[in-house]
């Protein structure tokens, strides 16, 4: 499915474009950080582990062997320092051999979430 197919209406398209610009416009670092995404489904807690491709104070691009719908709310766990932050899936890319490319926006993360100075 192409990125354009995920856009439902012009209002959500503008919101999506704005959010992607804000996420990508800031400082980011190419960094492979092991992460886990956690979510609730059918009254059970689920976890999938993956890694980041790049990180920023506002989110990351990660590869995770689990596909989600855009808008899905997740907990993102930095497996290096065990920090946890709420995240929203704002972009889902292609599925590769290792999993799905996911653009995750962090919701009010602590300043030291990644353990990096940006």
PDB file of N, CA and C in Angstrom:
ATOM      1  N   UNK A   1       0.836  -1.160   0.000  1.00  0.00           N
ATOM      2  CA  UNK A   1       0.000   0.000   0.000  1.00  0.00           C
ATOM      3  C   UNK A   1       0.889   1.234   0.000  1.00  0.00           C
ATOM      4  N   UNK A   2       0.626   2.165  -0.853  1.00  0.00           N
ATOM      5  CA  UNK A   2       1.407   3.383  -0.925  1.00  0.00           C
ATOM      6  C   UNK A   2       0.966   4.376   0.126  1.00  0.00           C
ATOM      7  N   UNK A   3       1.869   5.256   0.474  1.00  0.00           N
ATOM      8  CA  UNK A   3       1.605   6.277   1.474  1.00  0.00           C
ATOM      9  C   UNK A   3       0.351   7.066   1.130  1.00  0.00           C
ATOM     10  N   UNK A   4       0.176   7.405  -0.146  1.00  0.00           N
ATOM     11  CA  UNK A   4      -0.977   8.187  -0.551  1.00  0.00           C
ATOM     12  C   UNK A   4      -2.285   7.453  -0.279  1.00  0.00           C
ATOM     13  N   UNK A   5      -2.291   6.139  -0.346  1.00  0.00           N
ATOM     14  CA  UNK A   5      -3.499   5.366  -0.128  1.00  0.00           C
ATOM     15  C   UNK A   5      -3.968   5.428   1.315  1.00  0.00           C
ATOM     16  N   UNK A   6      -3.081   5.743   2.237  1.00  0.00           N
ATOM     17  CA  UNK A   6      -3.434   5.774   3.644  1.00  0.00           C
ATOM     18  C   UNK A   6      -4.129   7.076   4.035  1.00  0.00           C
ATOM     19  N   UNK A   7      -4.056   8.082   3.182  1.00  0.00           N
ATOM     20  CA  UNK A   7      -4.680   9.365   3.462  1.00  0.00           C
ATOM     21  C   UNK A   7      -6.153   9.293   3.117  1.00  0.00           C
ATOM     22  N   UNK A   8      -6.993   9.608   4.078  1.00  0.00           N
ATOM     23  CA  UNK A   8      -8.425   9.429   3.914  1.00  0.00           C
ATOM     24  C   UNK A   8      -9.096  10.676   3.363  1.00  0.00           C
ATOM     25  N   UNK A   9      -8.798  11.845   3.908  1.00  0.00           N
ATOM     26  CA  UNK A   9      -9.436  13.068   3.453  1.00  0.00           C
ATOM     27  C   UNK A   9      -8.411  14.181   3.427  1.00  0.00           C
ATOM     28  N   UNK A  10      -8.785  15.303   2.805  1.00  0.00           N
ATOM     29  CA  UNK A  10      -7.848  16.410   2.717  1.00  0.00           C
ATOM     30  C   UNK A  10      -7.467  16.926   4.095  1.00  0.00           C
ATOM     31  N   UNK A  11      -8.395  16.899   5.069  1.00  0.00           N
ATOM     32  CA  UNK A  11      -8.092  17.331   6.431  1.00  0.00           C
ATOM     33  C   UNK A  11      -7.066  16.434   7.080  1.00  0.00           C
ATOM     34  N   UNK A  12      -7.229  15.140   6.950  1.00  0.00           N
ATOM     35  CA  UNK A  12      -6.258  14.228   7.545  1.00  0.00           C
ATOM     36  C   UNK A  12      -4.948  14.258   6.772  1.00  0.00           C
ATOM     37  N   UNK A  13      -5.018  14.556   5.462  1.00  0.00           N
ATOM     38  CA  UNK A  13      -3.804  14.667   4.656  1.00  0.00           C
ATOM     39  C   UNK A  13      -2.976  15.848   5.125  1.00  0.00           C
ATOM     40  N   UNK A  14      -3.624  16.999   5.362  1.00  0.00           N
ATOM     41  CA  UNK A  14      -2.897  18.165   5.847  1.00  0.00           C
ATOM     42  C   UNK A  14      -2.298  17.886   7.211  1.00  0.00           C
ATOM     43  N   UNK A  15      -3.056  17.265   8.079  1.00  0.00           N
ATOM     44  CA  UNK A  15      -2.565  16.930   9.413  1.00  0.00           C
ATOM     45  C   UNK A  15      -1.382  15.976   9.314  1.00  0.00           C
ATOM     46  N   UNK A  16      -1.484  14.963   8.477  1.00  0.00           N
ATOM     47  CA  UNK A  16      -0.406  13.996   8.297  1.00  0.00           C
ATOM     48  C   UNK A  16       0.847  14.694   7.782  1.00  0.00           C
ATOM     49  N   UNK A  17       0.679  15.518   6.730  1.00  0.00           N
ATOM     50  CA  UNK A  17       1.833  16.215   6.156  1.00  0.00           C
ATOM     51  C   UNK A  17       2.499  17.107   7.183  1.00  0.00           C
ATOM     52  N   UNK A  18       1.715  17.838   7.948  1.00  0.00           N
ATOM     53  CA  UNK A  18       2.260  18.722   8.976  1.00  0.00           C
ATOM     54  C   UNK A  18       3.023  17.921  10.031  1.00  0.00           C
ATOM     55  N   UNK A  19       2.437  16.822  10.488  1.00  0.00           N
ATOM     56  CA  UNK A  19       3.090  15.996  11.506  1.00  0.00           C
ATOM     57  C   UNK A  19       4.382  15.397  10.978  1.00  0.00           C
ATOM     58  N   UNK A  20       4.389  14.943   9.736  1.00  0.00           N
ATOM     59  CA  UNK A  20       5.610  14.370   9.162  1.00  0.00           C
ATOM     60  C   UNK A  20       6.696  15.447   9.035  1.00  0.00           C
ATOM     61  N   UNK A  21       6.319  16.654   8.617  1.00  0.00           N
ATOM     62  CA  UNK A  21       7.301  17.733   8.505  1.00  0.00           C
ATOM     63  C   UNK A  21       7.878  18.064   9.874  1.00  0.00           C
ATOM     64  N   UNK A  22       7.014  18.135  10.883  1.00  0.00           N
ATOM     65  CA  UNK A  22       7.494  18.445  12.220  1.00  0.00           C
ATOM     66  C   UNK A  22       8.419  17.352  12.733  1.00  0.00           C
ATOM     67  N   UNK A  23       8.060  16.100  12.490  1.00  0.00           N
ATOM     68  CA  UNK A  23       8.867  14.978  12.964  1.00  0.00           C
ATOM     69  C   UNK A  23      10.208  14.946  12.245  1.00  0.00           C
ATOM     70  N   UNK A  24      10.209  15.147  10.939  1.00  0.00           N
ATOM     71  CA  UNK A  24      11.431  15.028  10.157  1.00  0.00           C
ATOM     72  C   UNK A  24      12.256  16.308  10.142  1.00  0.00           C
ATOM     73  N   UNK A  25      11.633  17.472  10.426  1.00  0.00           N
ATOM     74  CA  UNK A  25      12.338  18.752  10.316  1.00  0.00           C
ATOM     75  C   UNK A  25      13.321  18.968  11.455  1.00  0.00           C
ATOM     76  N   UNK A  26      13.091  18.354  12.575  1.00  0.00           N
ATOM     77  CA  UNK A  26      13.964  18.568  13.730  1.00  0.00           C
ATOM     78  C   UNK A  26      15.265  17.813  13.606  1.00  0.00           C
ATOM     79  N   UNK A  27      16.052  17.926  14.631  1.00  0.00           N
ATOM     80  CA  UNK A  27      17.321  17.211  14.677  1.00  0.00           C
ATOM     81  C   UNK A  27      17.051  15.716  14.771  1.00  0.00           C
ATOM     82  N   UNK A  28      17.796  14.961  13.999  1.00  0.00           N
ATOM     83  CA  UNK A  28      17.693  13.511  14.091  1.00  0.00           C
ATOM     84  C   UNK A  28      19.064  12.901  13.897  1.00  0.00           C
ATOM     85  N   UNK A  29      19.200  11.708  14.403  1.00  0.00           N
ATOM     86  CA  UNK A  29      20.482  11.021  14.391  1.00  0.00           C
ATOM     87  C   UNK A  29      20.267   9.617  13.846  1.00  0.00           C
ATOM     88  N   UNK A  30      21.097   9.223  12.886  1.00  0.00           N
ATOM     89  CA  UNK A  30      21.069   7.832  12.450  1.00  0.00           C
ATOM     90  C   UNK A  30      21.578   6.998  13.610  1.00  0.00           C
ATOM     91  N   UNK A  31      20.743   6.142  14.124  1.00  0.00           N
ATOM     92  CA  UNK A  31      21.128   5.381  15.306  1.00  0.00           C
ATOM     93  C   UNK A  31      20.314   4.098  15.388  1.00  0.00           C
ATOM     94  N   UNK A  32      20.999   3.000  15.569  1.00  0.00           N
ATOM     95  CA  UNK A  32      20.324   1.705  15.709  1.00  0.00           C
ATOM     96  C   UNK A  32      20.194   1.406  17.202  1.00  0.00           C
ATOM     97  N   UNK A  33      19.011   1.694  17.712  1.00  0.00           N
ATOM     98  CA  UNK A  33      18.700   1.469  19.123  1.00  0.00           C
ATOM     99  C   UNK A  33      17.705   0.318  19.211  1.00  0.00           C
ATOM    100  N   UNK A  34      17.982  -0.713  19.995  1.00  0.00           N
ATOM    101  CA  UNK A  34      16.977  -1.767  20.161  1.00  0.00           C
ATOM    102  C   UNK A  34      15.766  -1.209  20.911  1.00  0.00           C
ATOM    103  N   UNK A  35      14.582  -1.484  20.376  1.00  0.00           N
ATOM    104  CA  UNK A  35      13.338  -1.001  20.972  1.00  0.00           C
ATOM    105  C   UNK A  35      12.316  -2.127  21.017  1.00  0.00           C
ATOM    106  N   UNK A  36      11.301  -1.913  21.828  1.00  0.00           N
ATOM    107  CA  UNK A  36      10.142  -2.803  21.842  1.00  0.00           C
ATOM    108  C   UNK A  36       8.904  -1.935  21.749  1.00  0.00           C
ATOM    109  N   UNK A  37       7.915  -2.408  21.028  1.00  0.00           N
ATOM    110  CA  UNK A  37       6.608  -1.758  21.035  1.00  0.00           C
ATOM    111  C   UNK A  37       5.664  -2.666  21.801  1.00  0.00           C
ATOM    112  N   UNK A  38       4.824  -2.050  22.619  1.00  0.00           N
ATOM    113  CA  UNK A  38       3.872  -2.799  23.430  1.00  0.00           C
ATOM    114  C   UNK A  38       2.483  -2.235  23.187  1.00  0.00           C
ATOM    115  N   UNK A  39       1.485  -3.125  23.185  1.00  0.00           N
ATOM    116  CA  UNK A  39       0.114  -2.708  22.949  1.00  0.00           C
ATOM    117  C   UNK A  39      -0.849  -3.690  23.591  1.00  0.00           C
ATOM    118  N   UNK A  40      -2.075  -3.219  23.768  1.00  0.00           N
ATOM    119  CA  UNK A  40      -3.157  -4.048  24.312  1.00  0.00           C
ATOM    120  C   UNK A  40      -4.029  -4.521  23.164  1.00  0.00           C
ATOM    121  N   UNK A  41      -4.360  -5.797  23.179  1.00  0.00           N
ATOM    122  CA  UNK A  41      -5.258  -6.360  22.180  1.00  0.00           C
ATOM    123  C   UNK A  41      -5.957  -7.559  22.792  1.00  0.00           C
ATOM    124  N   UNK A  42      -7.269  -7.599  22.666  1.00  0.00           N
ATOM    125  CA  UNK A  42      -8.061  -8.703  23.211  1.00  0.00           C
ATOM    126  C   UNK A  42      -7.742  -8.945  24.687  1.00  0.00           C
ATOM    127  N   UNK A  43      -7.676  -7.852  25.447  1.00  0.00           N
ATOM    128  CA  UNK A  43      -7.420  -7.892  26.894  1.00  0.00           C
ATOM    129  C   UNK A  43      -6.091  -8.536  27.273  1.00  0.00           C
ATOM    130  N   UNK A  44      -5.151  -8.515  26.339  1.00  0.00           N
ATOM    131  CA  UNK A  44      -3.826  -9.075  26.619  1.00  0.00           C
ATOM    132  C   UNK A  44      -2.765  -8.066  26.189  1.00  0.00           C
ATOM    133  N   UNK A  45      -1.649  -8.084  26.872  1.00  0.00           N
ATOM    134  CA  UNK A  45      -0.520  -7.200  26.560  1.00  0.00           C
ATOM    135  C   UNK A  45       0.400  -7.936  25.590  1.00  0.00           C
ATOM    136  N   UNK A  46       0.788  -7.263  24.510  1.00  0.00           N
ATOM    137  CA  UNK A  46       1.646  -7.855  23.487  1.00  0.00           C
ATOM    138  C   UNK A  46       2.900  -7.005  23.323  1.00  0.00           C
ATOM    139  N   UNK A  47       3.977  -7.647  22.889  1.00  0.00           N
ATOM    140  CA  UNK A  47       5.254  -6.970  22.679  1.00  0.00           C
ATOM    141  C   UNK A  47       5.900  -7.484  21.401  1.00  0.00           C
ATOM    142  N   UNK A  48       6.507  -6.568  20.659  1.00  0.00           N
ATOM    143  CA  UNK A  48       7.322  -6.931  19.498  1.00  0.00           C
ATOM    144  C   UNK A  48       8.605  -6.116  19.590  1.00  0.00           C
ATOM    145  N   UNK A  49       9.734  -6.769  19.363  1.00  0.00           N
ATOM    146  CA  UNK A  49      11.027  -6.086  19.442  1.00  0.00           C
ATOM    147  C   UNK A  49      11.573  -5.799  18.061  1.00  0.00           C
ATOM    148  N   UNK A  50      12.255  -4.668  17.954  1.00  0.00           N
ATOM    149  CA  UNK A  50      12.875  -4.253  16.705  1.00  0.00           C
ATOM    150  C   UNK A  50      14.008  -3.302  16.995  1.00  0.00           C
ATOM    151  N   UNK A  51      14.267  -2.372  16.059  1.00  0.00           N
ATOM    152  CA  UNK A  51      15.343  -1.412  16.235  1.00  0.00           C
ATOM    153  C   UNK A  51      15.014  -0.143  15.453  1.00  0.00           C
ATOM    154  N   UNK A  52      15.691   0.932  15.817  1.00  0.00           N
ATOM    155  CA  UNK A  52      15.501   2.186  15.112  1.00  0.00           C
ATOM    156  C   UNK A  52      16.486   2.302  13.956  1.00  0.00           C
ATOM    157  N   UNK A  53      16.101   3.119  12.988  1.00  0.00           N
ATOM    158  CA  UNK A  53      16.989   3.508  11.901  1.00  0.00           C
ATOM    159  C   UNK A  53      17.515   4.898  12.189  1.00  0.00           C
ATOM    160  N   UNK A  54      16.609   5.783  12.611  1.00  0.00           N
ATOM    161  CA  UNK A  54      17.021   7.088  13.102  1.00  0.00           C
ATOM    162  C   UNK A  54      16.111   7.514  14.239  1.00  0.00           C
ATOM    163  N   UNK A  55      16.631   8.421  15.071  1.00  0.00           N
ATOM    164  CA  UNK A  55      15.890   8.892  16.236  1.00  0.00           C
ATOM    165  C   UNK A  55      15.941  10.417  16.276  1.00  0.00           C
ATOM    166  N   UNK A  56      14.933  10.997  16.912  1.00  0.00           N
ATOM    167  CA  UNK A  56      14.886  12.436  17.146  1.00  0.00           C
ATOM    168  C   UNK A  56      14.228  12.647  18.508  1.00  0.00           C
ATOM    169  N   UNK A  57      14.272  13.859  19.028  1.00  0.00           N
ATOM    170  CA  UNK A  57      13.601  14.098  20.306  1.00  0.00           C
ATOM    171  C   UNK A  57      12.096  13.826  20.233  1.00  0.00           C
ATOM    172  N   UNK A  58      11.526  13.877  19.009  1.00  0.00           N
ATOM    173  CA  UNK A  58      10.083  13.721  18.835  1.00  0.00           C
ATOM    174  C   UNK A  58       9.632  12.339  18.388  1.00  0.00           C
ATOM    175  N   UNK A  59      10.560  11.458  18.047  1.00  0.00           N
ATOM    176  CA  UNK A  59      10.138  10.147  17.562  1.00  0.00           C
ATOM    177  C   UNK A  59      11.271   9.377  16.920  1.00  0.00           C
ATOM    178  N   UNK A  60      10.872   8.453  16.045  1.00  0.00           N
ATOM    179  CA  UNK A  60      11.872   7.621  15.391  1.00  0.00           C
ATOM    180  C   UNK A  60      11.287   6.936  14.165  1.00  0.00           C
ATOM    181  N   UNK A  61      12.195   6.438  13.352  1.00  0.00           N
ATOM    182  CA  UNK A  61      11.864   5.503  12.289  1.00  0.00           C
ATOM    183  C   UNK A  61      12.408   4.171  12.765  1.00  0.00           C
ATOM    184  N   UNK A  62      11.528   3.187  12.875  1.00  0.00           N
ATOM    185  CA  UNK A  62      11.935   1.893  13.421  1.00  0.00           C
ATOM    186  C   UNK A  62      11.513   0.770  12.487  1.00  0.00           C
ATOM    187  N   UNK A  63      12.149  -0.379  12.650  1.00  0.00           N
ATOM    188  CA  UNK A  63      11.771  -1.607  11.957  1.00  0.00           C
ATOM    189  C   UNK A  63      11.312  -2.589  13.025  1.00  0.00           C
ATOM    190  N   UNK A  64      10.074  -3.038  12.882  1.00  0.00           N
ATOM    191  CA  UNK A  64       9.463  -3.941  13.871  1.00  0.00           C
ATOM    192  C   UNK A  64       8.732  -5.042  13.110  1.00  0.00           C
ATOM    193  N   UNK A  65       8.849  -6.301  13.545  1.00  0.00           N
ATOM    194  CA  UNK A  65       8.213  -7.400  12.824  1.00  0.00           C
ATOM    195  C   UNK A  65       6.712  -7.535  13.098  1.00  0.00           C
ATOM    196  N   UNK A  66       6.037  -6.398  13.169  1.00  0.00           N
ATOM    197  CA  UNK A  66       4.593  -6.387  13.416  1.00  0.00           C
ATOM    198  C   UNK A  66       4.022  -5.171  12.706  1.00  0.00           C
ATOM    199  N   UNK A  67       2.978  -5.372  11.922  1.00  0.00           N
ATOM    200  CA  UNK A  67       2.339  -4.248  11.251  1.00  0.00           C
ATOM    201  C   UNK A  67       1.217  -3.687  12.109  1.00  0.00           C
ATOM    202  N   UNK A  68       1.036  -2.392  12.055  1.00  0.00           N
ATOM    203  CA  UNK A  68      -0.027  -1.720  12.791  1.00  0.00           C
ATOM    204  C   UNK A  68      -0.718  -0.752  11.854  1.00  0.00           C
ATOM    205  N   UNK A  69      -1.907  -0.329  12.223  1.00  0.00           N
ATOM    206  CA  UNK A  69      -2.623   0.687  11.470  1.00  0.00           C
ATOM    207  C   UNK A  69      -2.113   2.064  11.870  1.00  0.00           C
ATOM    208  N   UNK A  70      -2.030   2.967  10.909  1.00  0.00           N
ATOM    209  CA  UNK A  70      -1.656   4.342  11.211  1.00  0.00           C
ATOM    210  C   UNK A  70      -2.650   4.883  12.233  1.00  0.00           C
ATOM    211  N   UNK A  71      -2.130   5.543  13.242  1.00  0.00           N
ATOM    212  CA  UNK A  71      -2.962   6.045  14.333  1.00  0.00           C
ATOM    213  C   UNK A  71      -2.934   5.162  15.565  1.00  0.00           C
ATOM    214  N   UNK A  72      -2.396   3.953  15.433  1.00  0.00           N
ATOM    215  CA  UNK A  72      -2.314   3.028  16.569  1.00  0.00           C
ATOM    216  C   UNK A  72      -1.498   3.652  17.691  1.00  0.00           C
ATOM    217  N   UNK A  73      -1.992   3.553  18.914  1.00  0.00           N
ATOM    218  CA  UNK A  73      -1.267   4.037  20.084  1.00  0.00           C
ATOM    219  C   UNK A  73      -0.489   2.874  20.681  1.00  0.00           C
ATOM    220  N   UNK A  74       0.785   3.145  20.965  1.00  0.00           N
ATOM    221  CA  UNK A  74       1.696   2.108  21.444  1.00  0.00           C
ATOM    222  C   UNK A  74       2.527   2.659  22.594  1.00  0.00           C
ATOM    223  N   UNK A  75       3.147   1.769  23.339  1.00  0.00           N
ATOM    224  CA  UNK A  75       4.204   2.149  24.265  1.00  0.00           C
ATOM    225  C   UNK A  75       5.507   1.771  23.577  1.00  0.00           C
ATOM    226  N   UNK A  76       6.458   2.711  23.535  1.00  0.00           N
ATOM    227  CA  UNK A  76       7.757   2.457  22.928  1.00  0.00           C
ATOM    228  C   UNK A  76       8.783   2.351  24.042  1.00  0.00           C
ATOM    229  N   UNK A  77       9.471   1.220  24.103  1.00  0.00           N
ATOM    230  CA  UNK A  77      10.462   0.961  25.143  1.00  0.00           C
ATOM    231  C   UNK A  77      11.847   1.019  24.514  1.00  0.00           C
ATOM    232  N   UNK A  78      12.695   1.911  25.043  1.00  0.00           N
ATOM    233  CA  UNK A  78      14.096   1.972  24.653  1.00  0.00           C
ATOM    234  C   UNK A  78      14.778   0.850  25.443  1.00  0.00           C
ATOM    235  N   UNK A  79      15.195  -0.206  24.770  1.00  0.00           N
ATOM    236  CA  UNK A  79      15.742  -1.375  25.463  1.00  0.00           C
ATOM    237  C   UNK A  79      17.159  -1.154  25.992  1.00  0.00           C
ATOM    238  N   UNK A  80      17.803  -0.044  25.619  1.00  0.00           N
ATOM    239  CA  UNK A  80      19.132   0.258  26.141  1.00  0.00           C
ATOM    240  C   UNK A  80      19.019   0.806  27.559  1.00  0.00           C
ATOM    241  N   UNK A  81      18.143   1.806  27.741  1.00  0.00           N
ATOM    242  CA  UNK A  81      18.039   2.441  29.061  1.00  0.00           C
ATOM    243  C   UNK A  81      16.709   2.171  29.766  1.00  0.00           C
ATOM    244  N   UNK A  82      15.853   1.389  29.139  1.00  0.00           N
ATOM    245  CA  UNK A  82      14.550   0.974  29.704  1.00  0.00           C
ATOM    246  C   UNK A  82      13.545   2.113  29.829  1.00  0.00           C
ATOM    247  N   UNK A  83      13.803   3.265  29.203  1.00  0.00           N
ATOM    248  CA  UNK A  83      12.819   4.350  29.195  1.00  0.00           C
ATOM    249  C   UNK A  83      11.605   3.930  28.382  1.00  0.00           C
ATOM    250  N   UNK A  84      10.425   4.354  28.818  1.00  0.00           N
ATOM    251  CA  UNK A  84       9.170   4.050  28.134  1.00  0.00           C
ATOM    252  C   UNK A  84       8.456   5.356  27.833  1.00  0.00           C
ATOM    253  N   UNK A  85       7.904   5.464  26.628  1.00  0.00           N
ATOM    254  CA  UNK A  85       7.123   6.643  26.249  1.00  0.00           C
ATOM    255  C   UNK A  85       5.912   6.186  25.434  1.00  0.00           C
ATOM    256  N   UNK A  86       4.847   6.940  25.539  1.00  0.00           N
ATOM    257  CA  UNK A  86       3.682   6.733  24.680  1.00  0.00           C
ATOM    258  C   UNK A  86       4.069   7.162  23.276  1.00  0.00           C
ATOM    259  N   UNK A  87       3.560   6.460  22.279  1.00  0.00           N
ATOM    260  CA  UNK A  87       3.859   6.792  20.888  1.00  0.00           C
ATOM    261  C   UNK A  87       2.616   6.558  20.035  1.00  0.00           C
ATOM    262  N   UNK A  88       2.575   7.261  18.917  1.00  0.00           N
ATOM    263  CA  UNK A  88       1.512   7.094  17.930  1.00  0.00           C
ATOM    264  C   UNK A  88       2.167   6.756  16.602  1.00  0.00           C
ATOM    265  N   UNK A  89       1.645   5.742  15.936  1.00  0.00           N
ATOM    266  CA  UNK A  89       2.151   5.388  14.613  1.00  0.00           C
ATOM    267  C   UNK A  89       1.616   6.413  13.617  1.00  0.00           C
ATOM    268  N   UNK A  90       2.519   7.202  13.033  1.00  0.00           N
ATOM    269  CA  UNK A  90       2.085   8.224  12.081  1.00  0.00           C
ATOM    270  C   UNK A  90       2.424   7.855  10.640  1.00  0.00           C
ATOM    271  N   UNK A  91       3.204   6.807  10.443  1.00  0.00           N
ATOM    272  CA  UNK A  91       3.554   6.372   9.090  1.00  0.00           C
ATOM    273  C   UNK A  91       3.943   4.902   9.124  1.00  0.00           C
ATOM    274  N   UNK A  92       3.464   4.162   8.142  1.00  0.00           N
ATOM    275  CA  UNK A  92       3.884   2.765   7.992  1.00  0.00           C
ATOM    276  C   UNK A  92       4.390   2.601   6.579  1.00  0.00           C
ATOM    277  N   UNK A  93       5.638   2.187   6.479  1.00  0.00           N
ATOM    278  CA  UNK A  93       6.270   2.010   5.174  1.00  0.00           C
ATOM    279  C   UNK A  93       6.137   0.588   4.683  1.00  0.00           C
ATOM    280  N   UNK A  94       7.156   0.149   4.023  1.00  0.00           N
ATOM    281  CA  UNK A  94       7.162  -1.168   3.401  1.00  0.00           C
ATOM    282  C   UNK A  94       7.474  -2.271   4.405  1.00  0.00           C
ATOM    283  N   UNK A  95       6.997  -3.451   4.104  1.00  0.00           N
ATOM    284  CA  UNK A  95       7.363  -4.622   4.891  1.00  0.00           C
ATOM    285  C   UNK A  95       8.555  -5.279   4.215  1.00  0.00           C
ATOM    286  N   UNK A  96       9.645  -5.393   4.958  1.00  0.00           N
ATOM    287  CA  UNK A  96      10.845  -6.051   4.452  1.00  0.00           C
ATOM    288  C   UNK A  96      11.024  -7.397   5.129  1.00  0.00           C
ATOM    289  N   UNK A  97      12.166  -8.013   4.896  1.00  0.00           N
ATOM    290  CA  UNK A  97      12.442  -9.323   5.502  1.00  0.00           C
ATOM    291  C   UNK A  97      12.468  -9.265   7.016  1.00  0.00           C
ATOM    292  N   UNK A  98      12.865  -8.111   7.571  1.00  0.00           N
ATOM    293  CA  UNK A  98      12.996  -7.975   9.026  1.00  0.00           C
ATOM    294  C   UNK A  98      11.764  -7.391   9.695  1.00  0.00           C
ATOM    295  N   UNK A  99      10.824  -6.871   8.904  1.00  0.00           N
ATOM    296  CA  UNK A  99       9.619  -6.303   9.489  1.00  0.00           C
ATOM    297  C   UNK A  99       9.163  -5.051   8.770  1.00  0.00           C
ATOM    298  N   UNK A 100       8.278  -4.317   9.428  1.00  0.00           N
ATOM    299  CA  UNK A 100       7.682  -3.107   8.876  1.00  0.00           C
ATOM    300  C   UNK A 100       8.489  -1.879   9.269  1.00  0.00           C
ATOM    301  N   UNK A 101       8.601  -0.928   8.359  1.00  0.00           N
ATOM    302  CA  UNK A 101       9.135   0.387   8.680  1.00  0.00           C
ATOM    303  C   UNK A 101       8.009   1.181   9.336  1.00  0.00           C
ATOM    304  N   UNK A 102       8.271   1.717  10.522  1.00  0.00           N
ATOM    305  CA  UNK A 102       7.255   2.452  11.262  1.00  0.00           C
ATOM    306  C   UNK A 102       7.772   3.828  11.659  1.00  0.00           C
ATOM    307  N   UNK A 103       7.010   4.856  11.352  1.00  0.00           N
ATOM    308  CA  UNK A 103       7.301   6.204  11.816  1.00  0.00           C
ATOM    309  C   UNK A 103       6.505   6.439  13.086  1.00  0.00           C
ATOM    310  N   UNK A 104       7.202   6.580  14.202  1.00  0.00           N
ATOM    311  CA  UNK A 104       6.554   6.713  15.505  1.00  0.00           C
ATOM    312  C   UNK A 104       6.793   8.104  16.077  1.00  0.00           C
ATOM    313  N   UNK A 105       5.718   8.758  16.486  1.00  0.00           N
ATOM    314  CA  UNK A 105       5.797  10.055  17.140  1.00  0.00           C
ATOM    315  C   UNK A 105       5.651   9.838  18.639  1.00  0.00           C
ATOM    316  N   UNK A 106       6.616  10.331  19.405  1.00  0.00           N
ATOM    317  CA  UNK A 106       6.568  10.200  20.860  1.00  0.00           C
ATOM    318  C   UNK A 106       5.642  11.270  21.436  1.00  0.00           C
ATOM    319  N   UNK A 107       4.874  10.886  22.446  1.00  0.00           N
ATOM    320  CA  UNK A 107       3.940  11.787  23.105  1.00  0.00           C
ATOM    321  C   UNK A 107       4.527  12.178  24.460  1.00  0.00           C
ATOM    322  N   UNK A 108       4.937  13.435  24.577  1.00  0.00           N
ATOM    323  CA  UNK A 108       5.525  13.960  25.822  1.00  0.00           C
ATOM    324  C   UNK A 108       6.630  13.066  26.395  1.00  0.00           C
ATOM    325  N   UNK A 109       7.648  12.744  25.586  1.00  0.00           N
ATOM    326  CA  UNK A 109       8.726  11.888  26.109  1.00  0.00           C
ATOM    327  C   UNK A 109       9.598  12.656  27.093  1.00  0.00           C
ATOM    328  N   UNK A 110      10.254  11.953  28.003  1.00  0.00           N
ATOM    329  CA  UNK A 110      11.232  12.631  28.859  1.00  0.00           C
ATOM    330  C   UNK A 110      12.391  13.131  27.993  1.00  0.00           C
ATOM    331  N   UNK A 111      13.048  14.206  28.428  1.00  0.00           N
ATOM    332  CA  UNK A 111      14.154  14.783  27.656  1.00  0.00           C
ATOM    333  C   UNK A 111      15.269  13.780  27.389  1.00  0.00           C
ATOM    334  N   UNK A 112      15.476  12.851  28.280  1.00  0.00           N
ATOM    335  CA  UNK A 112      16.572  11.892  28.151  1.00  0.00           C
ATOM    336  C   UNK A 112      16.099  10.537  27.599  1.00  0.00           C
ATOM    337  N   UNK A 113      14.967  10.531  26.898  1.00  0.00           N
ATOM    338  CA  UNK A 113      14.402   9.256  26.430  1.00  0.00           C
ATOM    339  C   UNK A 113      15.423   8.406  25.673  1.00  0.00           C
ATOM    340  N   UNK A 114      16.127   9.017  24.724  1.00  0.00           N
ATOM    341  CA  UNK A 114      17.101   8.257  23.924  1.00  0.00           C
ATOM    342  C   UNK A 114      18.461   8.181  24.588  1.00  0.00           C
ATOM    343  N   UNK A 115      18.696   8.997  25.612  1.00  0.00           N
ATOM    344  CA  UNK A 115      20.015   9.032  26.233  1.00  0.00           C
ATOM    345  C   UNK A 115      21.023   9.751  25.366  1.00  0.00           C
ATOM    346  N   UNK A 116      20.546  10.661  24.503  1.00  0.00           N
ATOM    347  CA  UNK A 116      21.404  11.416  23.582  1.00  0.00           C
ATOM    348  C   UNK A 116      21.155  12.901  23.743  1.00  0.00           C
ATOM    349  N   UNK A 117      22.157  13.697  23.418  1.00  0.00           N
ATOM    350  CA  UNK A 117      21.990  15.146  23.348  1.00  0.00           C
ATOM    351  C   UNK A 117      21.795  15.513  21.884  1.00  0.00           C
ATOM    352  N   UNK A 118      20.694  16.189  21.589  1.00  0.00           N
ATOM    353  CA  UNK A 118      20.416  16.550  20.200  1.00  0.00           C
ATOM    354  C   UNK A 118      20.856  17.955  19.920  1.00  0.00           C
TER     355      UNK A 118
END
